[in-house]
Amino acid sequence: MNFKESHTLILNNVARFIDLTELEKQKYISLLAEVKVKKKAYLMQAGEIAQYEYFIAKGCLKVYTLDEDGAPHISMFAIEDYWTGDMASFMTKEPTRYFIKATEDSELLGISRANYDLLFLEIPKFERFYRKLYQRSLISYIRRSNHGISLDAVERYIAFKKKYPKIVNRITQKDLAAYIGITPEFMSKIISKVNRM
């Protein structure tokens, strides 16, 4: 994907919430950094301060933490037309707890904190866009937390497949298990069971 196509994709994403003039579109694009991340490379690691919020134009990334035993706990996967980063670290300038790692060669557009602040000054309607984006992110996080409490592993897998049909075939069974919160062996049994249903 060339970056002109990336720009079209992000502008279409923004257009779901706010209308921009041609001049505003050009200004917004001028504030974005173009980033390429190779498969298995890190976009961000725990202990760093998030410098950017990212829009995925191409590829797939996983966002995760490590527990005391070093086992990963994946909180989200991000593919084309998704946003990723650590909003808390980005806003507070405190170190992140998260790792963001590419599971495919990926192309992203990032906005730095300085350009984010400048964007709000120059095009105030972007405050509405990012508010809507963060609201959706918060709702998704709450629903995921509720699923973790109220659904068993089979139900969590079925819910994931239903909500993210474009992701399920692009990730490893091991990563899927780390997202669902079970062992890869148990994940294999669940997949077999669901496929027989």
C-alpha atoms as a PDB file:
ATOM      1  CA  MET A   1       0.000   0.000   0.000  1.00  0.00           C
ATOM      2  CA  ASN A   2       1.360   3.429  -0.845  1.00  0.00           C
ATOM      3  CA  PHE A   3       0.971   6.278   1.597  1.00  0.00           C
ATOM      4  CA  LYS A   4      -1.569   8.055  -0.627  1.00  0.00           C
ATOM      5  CA  GLU A   5      -3.861   5.048  -0.098  1.00  0.00           C
ATOM      6  CA  SER A   6      -3.056   5.208   3.632  1.00  0.00           C
ATOM      7  CA  HIS A   7      -4.119   8.854   3.680  1.00  0.00           C
ATOM      8  CA  THR A   8      -7.414   7.976   1.976  1.00  0.00           C
ATOM      9  CA  LEU A   9      -8.029   5.231   4.534  1.00  0.00           C
ATOM     10  CA  ILE A  10      -7.425   7.479   7.557  1.00  0.00           C
ATOM     11  CA  LEU A  11      -9.510  10.305   6.088  1.00  0.00           C
ATOM     12  CA  ASN A  12     -12.387   7.859   5.548  1.00  0.00           C
ATOM     13  CA  ASN A  13     -12.001   6.775   9.184  1.00  0.00           C
ATOM     14  CA  VAL A  14     -12.174  10.390  10.363  1.00  0.00           C
ATOM     15  CA  ALA A  15     -15.163  11.095   8.077  1.00  0.00           C
ATOM     16  CA  ARG A  16     -17.293   8.675  10.121  1.00  0.00           C
ATOM     17  CA  PHE A  17     -17.419  11.297  12.866  1.00  0.00           C
ATOM     18  CA  ILE A  18     -16.545  14.723  11.438  1.00  0.00           C
ATOM     19  CA  ASP A  19     -16.612  16.532   8.093  1.00  0.00           C
ATOM     20  CA  LEU A  20     -13.401  18.162   6.910  1.00  0.00           C
ATOM     21  CA  THR A  21     -12.720  20.726   4.231  1.00  0.00           C
ATOM     22  CA  GLU A  22     -10.005  19.946   1.679  1.00  0.00           C
ATOM     23  CA  LEU A  23      -7.688  22.373   3.479  1.00  0.00           C
ATOM     24  CA  GLU A  24      -8.344  20.661   6.831  1.00  0.00           C
ATOM     25  CA  LYS A  25      -7.661  17.263   5.282  1.00  0.00           C
ATOM     26  CA  GLN A  26      -4.326  18.489   3.951  1.00  0.00           C
ATOM     27  CA  LYS A  27      -3.421  19.993   7.319  1.00  0.00           C
ATOM     28  CA  TYR A  28      -4.269  16.770   9.157  1.00  0.00           C
ATOM     29  CA  ILE A  29      -2.226  14.618   6.757  1.00  0.00           C
ATOM     30  CA  SER A  30       0.725  17.011   7.139  1.00  0.00           C
ATOM     31  CA  LEU A  31       0.760  16.322  10.904  1.00  0.00           C
ATOM     32  CA  LEU A  32       1.025  12.543  10.534  1.00  0.00           C
ATOM     33  CA  ALA A  33       4.240  10.520  10.537  1.00  0.00           C
ATOM     34  CA  GLU A  34       4.536   7.524   8.221  1.00  0.00           C
ATOM     35  CA  VAL A  35       5.826   4.435  10.031  1.00  0.00           C
ATOM     36  CA  LYS A  36       6.726   0.954   8.761  1.00  0.00           C
ATOM     37  CA  VAL A  37       7.159  -1.968  11.149  1.00  0.00           C
ATOM     38  CA  LYS A  38       8.504  -5.358  10.079  1.00  0.00           C
ATOM     39  CA  LYS A  39       6.872  -8.573  11.256  1.00  0.00           C
ATOM     40  CA  LYS A  40       8.021  -9.477  14.815  1.00  0.00           C
ATOM     41  CA  ALA A  41       9.400  -5.953  15.411  1.00  0.00           C
ATOM     42  CA  TYR A  42       8.205  -3.814  18.302  1.00  0.00           C
ATOM     43  CA  LEU A  43       6.359  -0.565  17.783  1.00  0.00           C
ATOM     44  CA  MET A  44       6.486   0.105  21.527  1.00  0.00           C
ATOM     45  CA  GLN A  45       7.803  -1.700  24.606  1.00  0.00           C
ATOM     46  CA  ALA A  46       6.938  -1.610  28.303  1.00  0.00           C
ATOM     47  CA  GLY A  47       8.822   1.137  30.141  1.00  0.00           C
ATOM     48  CA  GLU A  48       8.787   3.547  27.198  1.00  0.00           C
ATOM     49  CA  ILE A  49       6.610   6.644  27.045  1.00  0.00           C
ATOM     50  CA  ALA A  50       4.093   6.496  24.196  1.00  0.00           C
ATOM     51  CA  GLN A  51       5.135   9.177  21.719  1.00  0.00           C
ATOM     52  CA  TYR A  52       2.395   8.553  19.165  1.00  0.00           C
ATOM     53  CA  GLU A  53      -1.161   7.350  18.660  1.00  0.00           C
ATOM     54  CA  TYR A  54      -1.210   5.099  15.589  1.00  0.00           C
ATOM     55  CA  PHE A  55      -3.621   4.321  12.778  1.00  0.00           C
ATOM     56  CA  ILE A  56      -3.038   1.027  10.993  1.00  0.00           C
ATOM     57  CA  ALA A  57      -3.102   1.374   7.213  1.00  0.00           C
ATOM     58  CA  LYS A  58      -1.808  -2.129   6.540  1.00  0.00           C
ATOM     59  CA  GLY A  59      -0.846  -5.114   8.665  1.00  0.00           C
ATOM     60  CA  CYS A  60      -1.613  -6.570  12.062  1.00  0.00           C
ATOM     61  CA  LEU A  61      -0.227  -5.810  15.518  1.00  0.00           C
ATOM     62  CA  LYS A  62      -0.844  -7.224  18.977  1.00  0.00           C
ATOM     63  CA  VAL A  63      -0.977  -5.228  22.208  1.00  0.00           C
ATOM     64  CA  TYR A  64      -0.028  -7.118  25.343  1.00  0.00           C
ATOM     65  CA  THR A  65       1.408  -7.112  28.861  1.00  0.00           C
ATOM     66  CA  LEU A  66       3.561  -9.729  30.549  1.00  0.00           C
ATOM     67  CA  ASP A  67       2.641 -11.279  33.883  1.00  0.00           C
ATOM     68  CA  GLU A  68       5.138 -12.065  36.678  1.00  0.00           C
ATOM     69  CA  ASP A  69       6.039 -15.355  34.978  1.00  0.00           C
ATOM     70  CA  GLY A  70       6.673 -13.631  31.649  1.00  0.00           C
ATOM     71  CA  ALA A  71       3.510 -15.019  30.034  1.00  0.00           C
ATOM     72  CA  PRO A  72       1.833 -12.639  27.569  1.00  0.00           C
ATOM     73  CA  HIS A  73      -1.724 -11.394  28.063  1.00  0.00           C
ATOM     74  CA  ILE A  74      -2.986  -9.893  24.812  1.00  0.00           C
ATOM     75  CA  SER A  75      -5.489  -7.083  25.233  1.00  0.00           C
ATOM     76  CA  MET A  76      -6.114  -6.377  21.561  1.00  0.00           C
ATOM     77  CA  PHE A  77      -5.190  -7.011  17.954  1.00  0.00           C
ATOM     78  CA  ALA A  78      -5.129  -4.090  15.548  1.00  0.00           C
ATOM     79  CA  ILE A  79      -5.529  -4.418  11.792  1.00  0.00           C
ATOM     80  CA  GLU A  80      -6.285  -2.056   8.912  1.00  0.00           C
ATOM     81  CA  ASP A  81      -8.606   0.818   9.847  1.00  0.00           C
ATOM     82  CA  TYR A  82      -7.927   0.365  13.595  1.00  0.00           C
ATOM     83  CA  TRP A  83      -6.132   2.690  15.996  1.00  0.00           C
ATOM     84  CA  THR A  84      -3.575   1.538  18.550  1.00  0.00           C
ATOM     85  CA  GLY A  85      -1.186   2.855  21.168  1.00  0.00           C
ATOM     86  CA  ASP A  86      -1.333   3.487  24.897  1.00  0.00           C
ATOM     87  CA  MET A  87      -3.635   6.446  25.393  1.00  0.00           C
ATOM     88  CA  ALA A  88      -2.816   6.714  29.125  1.00  0.00           C
ATOM     89  CA  SER A  89       0.942   6.907  28.520  1.00  0.00           C
ATOM     90  CA  PHE A  90       0.417   9.240  25.539  1.00  0.00           C
ATOM     91  CA  MET A  91      -1.651  11.649  27.661  1.00  0.00           C
ATOM     92  CA  THR A  92       0.204  11.458  30.994  1.00  0.00           C
ATOM     93  CA  LYS A  93       3.737  10.950  29.643  1.00  0.00           C
ATOM     94  CA  GLU A  94       4.162   8.098  32.116  1.00  0.00           C
ATOM     95  CA  PRO A  95       5.844   4.828  31.079  1.00  0.00           C
ATOM     96  CA  THR A  96       3.613   2.269  29.411  1.00  0.00           C
ATOM     97  CA  ARG A  97       3.018  -1.283  30.669  1.00  0.00           C
ATOM     98  CA  TYR A  98       2.290  -2.478  27.143  1.00  0.00           C
ATOM     99  CA  PHE A  99       4.205  -4.035  24.308  1.00  0.00           C
ATOM    100  CA  ILE A 100       2.979  -3.475  20.754  1.00  0.00           C
ATOM    101  CA  LYS A 101       4.451  -5.974  18.300  1.00  0.00           C
ATOM    102  CA  ALA A 102       3.801  -6.449  14.590  1.00  0.00           C
ATOM    103  CA  THR A 103       2.501  -9.906  13.664  1.00  0.00           C
ATOM    104  CA  GLU A 104       2.688  -8.925   9.974  1.00  0.00           C
ATOM    105  CA  ASP A 105       4.695  -6.318   8.072  1.00  0.00           C
ATOM    106  CA  SER A 106       2.719  -3.179   8.898  1.00  0.00           C
ATOM    107  CA  GLU A 107       2.315   0.400   7.734  1.00  0.00           C
ATOM    108  CA  LEU A 108       0.978   3.019  10.121  1.00  0.00           C
ATOM    109  CA  LEU A 109       0.286   6.705  10.404  1.00  0.00           C
ATOM    110  CA  GLY A 110       1.198   8.237  13.757  1.00  0.00           C
ATOM    111  CA  ILE A 111       0.379  11.533  15.398  1.00  0.00           C
ATOM    112  CA  SER A 112       2.804  12.863  17.999  1.00  0.00           C
ATOM    113  CA  ARG A 113       1.645  14.568  21.191  1.00  0.00           C
ATOM    114  CA  ALA A 114       2.876  17.963  19.930  1.00  0.00           C
ATOM    115  CA  ASN A 115       1.006  17.571  16.634  1.00  0.00           C
ATOM    116  CA  TYR A 116      -2.063  16.235  18.472  1.00  0.00           C
ATOM    117  CA  ASP A 117      -2.190  19.425  20.561  1.00  0.00           C
ATOM    118  CA  LEU A 118      -1.548  21.555  17.476  1.00  0.00           C
ATOM    119  CA  LEU A 119      -4.356  19.765  15.627  1.00  0.00           C
ATOM    120  CA  PHE A 120      -6.877  20.708  18.336  1.00  0.00           C
ATOM    121  CA  LEU A 121      -5.774  24.343  18.169  1.00  0.00           C
ATOM    122  CA  GLU A 122      -5.943  24.569  14.390  1.00  0.00           C
ATOM    123  CA  ILE A 123      -8.950  22.275  13.731  1.00  0.00           C
ATOM    124  CA  PRO A 124     -11.012  22.173  16.963  1.00  0.00           C
ATOM    125  CA  LYS A 125     -13.552  19.696  15.519  1.00  0.00           C
ATOM    126  CA  PHE A 126     -10.877  17.012  15.905  1.00  0.00           C
ATOM    127  CA  GLU A 127     -11.572  17.102  19.647  1.00  0.00           C
ATOM    128  CA  ARG A 128     -14.955  15.562  18.809  1.00  0.00           C
ATOM    129  CA  PHE A 129     -13.327  12.934  16.592  1.00  0.00           C
ATOM    130  CA  TYR A 130     -10.848  11.804  19.249  1.00  0.00           C
ATOM    131  CA  ARG A 131     -13.501  11.942  21.975  1.00  0.00           C
ATOM    132  CA  LYS A 132     -15.663   9.584  19.912  1.00  0.00           C
ATOM    133  CA  LEU A 133     -12.653   7.357  19.226  1.00  0.00           C
ATOM    134  CA  TYR A 134     -11.766   7.143  22.927  1.00  0.00           C
ATOM    135  CA  GLN A 135     -15.389   6.530  23.909  1.00  0.00           C
ATOM    136  CA  ARG A 136     -15.566   3.578  21.514  1.00  0.00           C
ATOM    137  CA  SER A 137     -12.263   2.288  22.874  1.00  0.00           C
ATOM    138  CA  LEU A 138     -13.506   2.528  26.461  1.00  0.00           C
ATOM    139  CA  ILE A 139     -16.777   0.770  25.609  1.00  0.00           C
ATOM    140  CA  SER A 140     -14.834  -2.017  23.888  1.00  0.00           C
ATOM    141  CA  TYR A 141     -12.544  -2.365  26.927  1.00  0.00           C
ATOM    142  CA  ILE A 142     -15.517  -2.568  29.333  1.00  0.00           C
ATOM    143  CA  ARG A 143     -17.246  -5.183  27.180  1.00  0.00           C
ATOM    144  CA  ARG A 144     -14.060  -7.238  26.974  1.00  0.00           C
ATOM    145  CA  SER A 145     -13.676  -7.070  30.773  1.00  0.00           C
ATOM    146  CA  ASN A 146     -17.289  -8.161  31.222  1.00  0.00           C
ATOM    147  CA  HIS A 147     -16.794 -11.059  28.797  1.00  0.00           C
ATOM    148  CA  GLY A 148     -13.772 -12.160  30.819  1.00  0.00           C
ATOM    149  CA  ILE A 149     -15.951 -12.358  33.918  1.00  0.00           C
ATOM    150  CA  SER A 150     -19.235 -13.629  32.520  1.00  0.00           C
ATOM    151  CA  LEU A 151     -18.293 -15.906  29.602  1.00  0.00           C
ATOM    152  CA  ASP A 152     -16.444 -19.205  29.629  1.00  0.00           C
ATOM    153  CA  ALA A 153     -13.522 -19.815  27.236  1.00  0.00           C
ATOM    154  CA  VAL A 154     -15.687 -21.342  24.484  1.00  0.00           C
ATOM    155  CA  GLU A 155     -18.092 -18.390  24.620  1.00  0.00           C
ATOM    156  CA  ARG A 156     -15.173 -15.922  24.579  1.00  0.00           C
ATOM    157  CA  TYR A 157     -13.754 -17.617  21.470  1.00  0.00           C
ATOM    158  CA  ILE A 158     -17.139 -17.617  19.704  1.00  0.00           C
ATOM    159  CA  ALA A 159     -17.653 -13.932  20.637  1.00  0.00           C
ATOM    160  CA  PHE A 160     -14.174 -13.096  19.280  1.00  0.00           C
ATOM    161  CA  LYS A 161     -14.817 -14.911  15.985  1.00  0.00           C
ATOM    162  CA  LYS A 162     -18.148 -13.137  15.606  1.00  0.00           C
ATOM    163  CA  LYS A 163     -16.834  -9.658  16.441  1.00  0.00           C
ATOM    164  CA  TYR A 164     -13.497  -9.929  14.615  1.00  0.00           C
ATOM    165  CA  PRO A 165     -13.966 -12.210  11.588  1.00  0.00           C
ATOM    166  CA  LYS A 166     -11.187 -10.393   9.706  1.00  0.00           C
ATOM    167  CA  ILE A 167      -8.665 -11.016  12.489  1.00  0.00           C
ATOM    168  CA  VAL A 168      -9.259 -14.612  13.536  1.00  0.00           C
ATOM    169  CA  ASN A 169      -7.499 -16.139  10.501  1.00  0.00           C
ATOM    170  CA  ARG A 170      -4.565 -13.714  10.641  1.00  0.00           C
ATOM    171  CA  ILE A 171      -3.265 -14.573  14.103  1.00  0.00           C
ATOM    172  CA  THR A 172      -1.582 -17.622  15.568  1.00  0.00           C
ATOM    173  CA  GLN A 173      -3.428 -20.048  17.798  1.00  0.00           C
ATOM    174  CA  LYS A 174      -0.902 -19.203  20.534  1.00  0.00           C
ATOM    175  CA  ASP A 175      -1.754 -15.480  20.315  1.00  0.00           C
ATOM    176  CA  LEU A 176      -5.453 -16.246  20.252  1.00  0.00           C
ATOM    177  CA  ALA A 177      -5.036 -18.307  23.429  1.00  0.00           C
ATOM    178  CA  ALA A 178      -3.189 -15.402  25.095  1.00  0.00           C
ATOM    179  CA  TYR A 179      -6.116 -13.134  24.169  1.00  0.00           C
ATOM    180  CA  ILE A 180      -8.807 -15.555  25.385  1.00  0.00           C
ATOM    181  CA  GLY A 181      -6.806 -16.230  28.558  1.00  0.00           C
ATOM    182  CA  ILE A 182      -6.147 -19.965  28.210  1.00  0.00           C
ATOM    183  CA  THR A 183      -3.299 -22.303  27.244  1.00  0.00           C
ATOM    184  CA  PRO A 184      -2.577 -22.986  23.546  1.00  0.00           C
ATOM    185  CA  GLU A 185      -3.427 -26.661  24.165  1.00  0.00           C
ATOM    186  CA  PHE A 186      -6.863 -25.796  25.542  1.00  0.00           C
ATOM    187  CA  MET A 187      -7.334 -23.342  22.661  1.00  0.00           C
ATOM    188  CA  SER A 188      -6.772 -26.182  20.204  1.00  0.00           C
ATOM    189  CA  LYS A 189      -9.469 -28.263  21.907  1.00  0.00           C
ATOM    190  CA  ILE A 190     -11.907 -25.337  21.873  1.00  0.00           C
ATOM    191  CA  ILE A 191     -11.337 -24.668  18.168  1.00  0.00           C
ATOM    192  CA  SER A 192     -11.988 -28.357  17.389  1.00  0.00           C
ATOM    193  CA  LYS A 193     -15.113 -28.332  19.550  1.00  0.00           C
ATOM    194  CA  VAL A 194     -16.518 -25.149  17.962  1.00  0.00           C
ATOM    195  CA  ASN A 195     -15.763 -26.434  14.455  1.00  0.00           C
ATOM    196  CA  ARG A 196     -17.829 -29.535  15.213  1.00  0.00           C
ATOM    197  CA  MET A 197     -20.796 -27.501  16.468  1.00  0.00           C
END
